[in-house]
Amino acid sequence: MSLRSVMVVDDEPDIRTLVTLILERLGGLSVRAESSGLAAINSLKAGYRPDMIVLDVMMPEMDGVQTLEAIRALPDLDTIPVCFLTAKVHPTELVRWQNLSICDVLSKPFEPTKLLGQLLESWQRCQKT
């Protein structure tokens, strides 16, 4: 199965815009960008089904881990690959996040010209597991 649609969840408008532009223009992907974990959950509850979710870890009100837990609790969404996108990459956090069954952790700041390739590599790894 090929990657066709991605939900990007980040509270920073500039990050949402940049990631969306990269994935749509360079990758030809369909992207839905949401500004919060709650907005993402509501979109998923309303029936949107992306192939993959890119989720910021540090967001107000509902952080990435809480959002991931809420997504995993929704029917038929426990297997959607999720990549965290974060500036906070510490070894202890990585271990904790891997135990949450995420696909990958992508670092901020990211190199715009490399982001699509990193995401596609993550997608391929997730398809093998």
C-alpha atoms as a PDB file:
ATOM      1  CA  MET A   1       0.000   0.000   0.000  1.00  0.00           C
ATOM      2  CA  SER A   2       1.359   3.441  -0.822  1.00  0.00           C
ATOM      3  CA  LEU A   3       1.130   6.538   1.325  1.00  0.00           C
ATOM      4  CA  ARG A   4      -1.585   8.845  -0.015  1.00  0.00           C
ATOM      5  CA  SER A   5      -2.973  10.892   2.870  1.00  0.00           C
ATOM      6  CA  VAL A   6      -1.467  12.398   6.000  1.00  0.00           C
ATOM      7  CA  MET A   7      -2.944  14.258   8.935  1.00  0.00           C
ATOM      8  CA  VAL A   8      -0.548  16.850  10.371  1.00  0.00           C
ATOM      9  CA  VAL A   9      -1.295  17.982  13.933  1.00  0.00           C
ATOM     10  CA  ASP A  10       0.703  20.928  15.258  1.00  0.00           C
ATOM     11  CA  ASP A  11      -0.247  24.022  17.229  1.00  0.00           C
ATOM     12  CA  GLU A  12       2.251  26.192  15.324  1.00  0.00           C
ATOM     13  CA  PRO A  13       0.659  27.612  12.137  1.00  0.00           C
ATOM     14  CA  ASP A  14       4.027  28.019  10.380  1.00  0.00           C
ATOM     15  CA  ILE A  15       4.927  24.363  10.959  1.00  0.00           C
ATOM     16  CA  ARG A  16       1.511  23.182   9.735  1.00  0.00           C
ATOM     17  CA  THR A  17       1.841  25.314   6.597  1.00  0.00           C
ATOM     18  CA  LEU A  18       5.412  24.249   5.846  1.00  0.00           C
ATOM     19  CA  VAL A  19       4.792  20.538   6.392  1.00  0.00           C
ATOM     20  CA  THR A  20       1.603  20.700   4.321  1.00  0.00           C
ATOM     21  CA  LEU A  21       3.375  22.441   1.433  1.00  0.00           C
ATOM     22  CA  ILE A  22       6.235  19.943   1.466  1.00  0.00           C
ATOM     23  CA  LEU A  23       4.003  16.883   1.549  1.00  0.00           C
ATOM     24  CA  GLU A  24       1.508  18.177  -1.023  1.00  0.00           C
ATOM     25  CA  ARG A  25       3.856  19.791  -3.520  1.00  0.00           C
ATOM     26  CA  LEU A  26       6.879  17.534  -3.294  1.00  0.00           C
ATOM     27  CA  GLY A  27       5.146  14.318  -2.317  1.00  0.00           C
ATOM     28  CA  GLY A  28       1.804  14.633  -4.077  1.00  0.00           C
ATOM     29  CA  LEU A  29       0.084  13.659  -0.841  1.00  0.00           C
ATOM     30  CA  SER A  30      -3.314  14.719   0.408  1.00  0.00           C
ATOM     31  CA  VAL A  31      -2.824  16.561   3.711  1.00  0.00           C
ATOM     32  CA  ARG A  32      -5.254  17.621   6.396  1.00  0.00           C
ATOM     33  CA  ALA A  33      -3.703  19.945   8.960  1.00  0.00           C
ATOM     34  CA  GLU A  34      -5.185  20.329  12.427  1.00  0.00           C
ATOM     35  CA  SER A  35      -4.156  22.875  15.069  1.00  0.00           C
ATOM     36  CA  SER A  36      -4.713  20.752  18.166  1.00  0.00           C
ATOM     37  CA  GLY A  37      -5.130  17.241  19.454  1.00  0.00           C
ATOM     38  CA  LEU A  38      -8.822  17.854  20.057  1.00  0.00           C
ATOM     39  CA  ALA A  39      -9.335  19.097  16.491  1.00  0.00           C
ATOM     40  CA  ALA A  40      -7.568  15.989  15.184  1.00  0.00           C
ATOM     41  CA  ILE A  41      -9.717  13.675  17.293  1.00  0.00           C
ATOM     42  CA  ASN A  42     -12.888  15.439  16.169  1.00  0.00           C
ATOM     43  CA  SER A  43     -11.827  15.103  12.534  1.00  0.00           C
ATOM     44  CA  LEU A  44     -11.159  11.391  13.024  1.00  0.00           C
ATOM     45  CA  LYS A  45     -14.476  10.909  14.842  1.00  0.00           C
ATOM     46  CA  ALA A  46     -16.190  12.607  11.890  1.00  0.00           C
ATOM     47  CA  GLY A  47     -14.807   9.910   9.593  1.00  0.00           C
ATOM     48  CA  TYR A  48     -11.508  11.207   8.202  1.00  0.00           C
ATOM     49  CA  ARG A  49      -9.101   8.292   7.788  1.00  0.00           C
ATOM     50  CA  PRO A  50      -5.533   9.251   6.891  1.00  0.00           C
ATOM     51  CA  ASP A  51      -2.919   6.675   6.017  1.00  0.00           C
ATOM     52  CA  MET A  52      -0.559   8.265   8.557  1.00  0.00           C
ATOM     53  CA  ILE A  53      -0.598  10.907  11.289  1.00  0.00           C
ATOM     54  CA  VAL A  54       2.261  13.322  12.018  1.00  0.00           C
ATOM     55  CA  LEU A  55       1.745  14.540  15.566  1.00  0.00           C
ATOM     56  CA  ASP A  56       3.505  17.317  17.469  1.00  0.00           C
ATOM     57  CA  VAL A  57       4.435  16.246  20.986  1.00  0.00           C
ATOM     58  CA  MET A  58       4.336  19.591  22.779  1.00  0.00           C
ATOM     59  CA  MET A  59       0.940  21.233  22.362  1.00  0.00           C
ATOM     60  CA  PRO A  60      -1.191  23.150  24.855  1.00  0.00           C
ATOM     61  CA  GLU A  61      -4.291  21.602  26.438  1.00  0.00           C
ATOM     62  CA  MET A  62      -3.757  18.140  24.955  1.00  0.00           C
ATOM     63  CA  ASP A  63      -0.190  17.085  24.201  1.00  0.00           C
ATOM     64  CA  GLY A  64       0.891  14.547  21.608  1.00  0.00           C
ATOM     65  CA  VAL A  65       0.968  11.595  23.995  1.00  0.00           C
ATOM     66  CA  GLN A  66      -2.554  12.348  25.244  1.00  0.00           C
ATOM     67  CA  THR A  67      -3.722  12.800  21.654  1.00  0.00           C
ATOM     68  CA  LEU A  68      -2.156   9.498  20.627  1.00  0.00           C
ATOM     69  CA  GLU A  69      -3.847   7.691  23.521  1.00  0.00           C
ATOM     70  CA  ALA A  70      -7.209   9.186  22.541  1.00  0.00           C
ATOM     71  CA  ILE A  71      -6.686   8.194  18.897  1.00  0.00           C
ATOM     72  CA  ARG A  72      -5.763   4.639  19.851  1.00  0.00           C
ATOM     73  CA  ALA A  73      -8.986   4.401  21.869  1.00  0.00           C
ATOM     74  CA  LEU A  74     -11.122   5.164  18.808  1.00  0.00           C
ATOM     75  CA  PRO A  75     -12.557   2.174  16.899  1.00  0.00           C
ATOM     76  CA  ASP A  76     -10.516   1.122  13.847  1.00  0.00           C
ATOM     77  CA  LEU A  77      -7.779   3.701  14.475  1.00  0.00           C
ATOM     78  CA  ASP A  78      -5.401   1.695  16.624  1.00  0.00           C
ATOM     79  CA  THR A  79      -3.280   0.670  13.630  1.00  0.00           C
ATOM     80  CA  ILE A  80      -2.835   4.015  11.852  1.00  0.00           C
ATOM     81  CA  PRO A  81       0.902   4.747  11.841  1.00  0.00           C
ATOM     82  CA  VAL A  82       1.789   7.803  13.922  1.00  0.00           C
ATOM     83  CA  CYS A  83       5.045   9.751  13.799  1.00  0.00           C
ATOM     84  CA  PHE A  84       5.868  12.250  16.478  1.00  0.00           C
ATOM     85  CA  LEU A  85       7.317  15.573  15.304  1.00  0.00           C
ATOM     86  CA  THR A  86       9.178  17.263  18.130  1.00  0.00           C
ATOM     87  CA  ALA A  87      12.025  19.479  19.216  1.00  0.00           C
ATOM     88  CA  LYS A  88      12.204  17.510  22.457  1.00  0.00           C
ATOM     89  CA  VAL A  89      14.226  14.405  21.634  1.00  0.00           C
ATOM     90  CA  HIS A  90      15.819  12.910  24.742  1.00  0.00           C
ATOM     91  CA  PRO A  91      16.805   9.230  25.042  1.00  0.00           C
ATOM     92  CA  THR A  92      14.438   8.570  27.958  1.00  0.00           C
ATOM     93  CA  GLU A  93      11.548  10.132  26.043  1.00  0.00           C
ATOM     94  CA  LEU A  94      12.368   8.091  22.942  1.00  0.00           C
ATOM     95  CA  VAL A  95      12.141   4.855  24.897  1.00  0.00           C
ATOM     96  CA  ARG A  96       8.825   5.928  26.459  1.00  0.00           C
ATOM     97  CA  TRP A  97       7.404   6.930  23.084  1.00  0.00           C
ATOM     98  CA  GLN A  98       8.499   3.716  21.378  1.00  0.00           C
ATOM     99  CA  ASN A  99       6.531   1.849  24.041  1.00  0.00           C
ATOM    100  CA  LEU A 100       3.455   3.756  22.817  1.00  0.00           C
ATOM    101  CA  SER A 101       3.740   2.003  19.446  1.00  0.00           C
ATOM    102  CA  ILE A 102       4.612   5.062  17.414  1.00  0.00           C
ATOM    103  CA  CYS A 103       6.144   4.584  14.018  1.00  0.00           C
ATOM    104  CA  ASP A 104       8.967   7.098  14.305  1.00  0.00           C
ATOM    105  CA  VAL A 105      10.158  10.361  15.843  1.00  0.00           C
ATOM    106  CA  LEU A 106      10.983  13.196  13.455  1.00  0.00           C
ATOM    107  CA  SER A 107      13.013  16.085  14.845  1.00  0.00           C
ATOM    108  CA  LYS A 108      12.284  19.790  14.813  1.00  0.00           C
ATOM    109  CA  PRO A 109      13.739  21.823  13.388  1.00  0.00           C
ATOM    110  CA  PHE A 110      13.712  19.671  10.291  1.00  0.00           C
ATOM    111  CA  GLU A 111      15.399  20.125   6.954  1.00  0.00           C
ATOM    112  CA  PRO A 112      12.522  20.919   4.555  1.00  0.00           C
ATOM    113  CA  THR A 113      14.234  19.178   1.646  1.00  0.00           C
ATOM    114  CA  LYS A 114      14.628  15.976   3.703  1.00  0.00           C
ATOM    115  CA  LEU A 115      11.290  15.815   5.514  1.00  0.00           C
ATOM    116  CA  LEU A 116       9.392  14.007   2.751  1.00  0.00           C
ATOM    117  CA  GLY A 117      12.082  11.336   2.462  1.00  0.00           C
ATOM    118  CA  GLN A 118      12.156  10.830   6.227  1.00  0.00           C
ATOM    119  CA  LEU A 119       8.396  10.462   6.346  1.00  0.00           C
ATOM    120  CA  LEU A 120       8.370   7.986   3.447  1.00  0.00           C
ATOM    121  CA  GLU A 121      11.098   5.936   5.142  1.00  0.00           C
ATOM    122  CA  SER A 122       9.027   5.880   8.331  1.00  0.00           C
ATOM    123  CA  TRP A 123       5.990   4.777   6.308  1.00  0.00           C
ATOM    124  CA  GLN A 124       7.956   1.904   4.752  1.00  0.00           C
ATOM    125  CA  ARG A 125       9.245   0.747   8.144  1.00  0.00           C
ATOM    126  CA  CYS A 126       5.727   0.803   9.579  1.00  0.00           C
ATOM    127  CA  GLN A 127       4.390  -1.280   6.717  1.00  0.00           C
ATOM    128  CA  LYS A 128       6.903  -4.025   7.474  1.00  0.00           C
ATOM    129  CA  THR A 129       5.878  -4.395  11.106  1.00  0.00           C
END
